[in-house]
Protein backbone atom coordinates (compact mmCIF):
# COMPACT_ATOMS: atom_id res chain seq x y z
CA MET A 1 76.98 268.82 21.78
CA GLY A 2 79.18 269.35 18.73
CA ILE A 3 79.38 265.60 18.01
CA HIS A 4 75.61 265.27 17.72
CA TYR A 5 75.35 268.34 15.54
CA ASP A 6 78.01 266.96 13.24
CA TYR A 7 76.32 263.54 13.09
CA LYS A 8 72.95 264.95 12.08
CA SER A 9 74.40 267.26 9.50
CA THR A 10 76.36 264.48 7.75
CA LYS A 11 73.83 261.67 8.23
CA SER A 12 72.11 262.13 4.87
CA ALA A 13 75.40 262.27 2.98
CA LYS A 14 76.61 259.06 4.65
CA LEU A 15 73.33 257.32 3.85
CA MET A 16 73.60 258.35 0.20
CA GLU A 17 77.18 257.06 0.03
CA LYS A 18 76.09 253.76 1.57
CA GLN A 19 73.22 253.43 -0.90
CA ALA A 20 75.52 254.18 -3.86
CA LYS A 21 78.03 251.60 -2.63
CA ARG A 22 75.28 249.00 -2.22
CA GLU A 23 73.90 249.67 -5.72
CA LYS A 24 77.38 249.47 -7.23
CA LYS A 25 78.00 246.13 -5.54
CA LEU A 26 74.66 244.74 -6.74
CA ALA A 27 75.35 245.95 -10.29
CA GLU A 28 78.74 244.20 -10.28
CA LYS A 29 77.15 240.96 -9.05
CA LYS A 30 74.44 241.19 -11.71
CA ALA A 31 76.98 241.81 -14.47
CA LYS A 32 79.08 238.89 -13.29
CA ARG A 33 76.03 236.61 -13.15
CA LEU A 34 74.88 237.66 -16.64
CA ALA A 35 78.36 237.06 -18.04
CA LYS A 36 78.40 233.62 -16.48
CA GLU A 37 74.92 232.77 -17.82
CA GLY A 38 75.87 234.08 -21.26
CA SER A 39 78.71 231.59 -21.52
CA LYS A 40 76.39 228.77 -20.49
CA LYS A 41 73.80 229.70 -23.11
CA GLU A 42 76.42 229.60 -25.86
CA THR A 43 77.01 225.89 -25.33
CA LYS A 44 74.93 223.81 -27.64
CA ILE A 45 72.64 221.26 -26.01
CA GLU A 46 72.15 218.21 -28.16
CA SER A 47 69.11 216.08 -27.56
CA LEU A 48 69.23 212.31 -27.76
CA ASP A 49 67.89 210.49 -30.76
CA THR A 50 64.69 208.80 -29.63
CA SER A 51 64.91 206.10 -32.28
CA LYS A 52 68.16 204.69 -30.80
CA PRO A 53 68.07 202.59 -27.63
CA ILE A 54 70.16 203.77 -24.68
CA THR A 55 72.90 201.25 -23.91
CA LEU A 56 75.37 200.97 -21.05
CA ASP A 57 78.22 201.65 -23.46
CA PHE A 58 76.54 204.88 -24.56
CA LEU A 59 76.17 206.05 -20.96
CA THR A 60 79.67 205.16 -19.82
CA ASN A 61 81.72 206.01 -22.92
CA PRO A 62 84.05 208.95 -22.06
CA ASN A 63 84.81 209.58 -25.76
CA LYS A 64 81.31 210.50 -26.88
CA GLU A 65 80.85 211.58 -30.48
């Protein structure tokens, strides 16, 4: 009978520890994701000039300007 008494008395504390661990893990994932997105947003996206025609050389040139 002592095992059951011990389980019930510590159940709420274990649940709170589990919840805190879960929240900490989610916060770390969110911080990691935001850091990753932040580095992507810093890159500058250049749009193509609509007045120039798109050529095969433009598409395949590895040394773009």
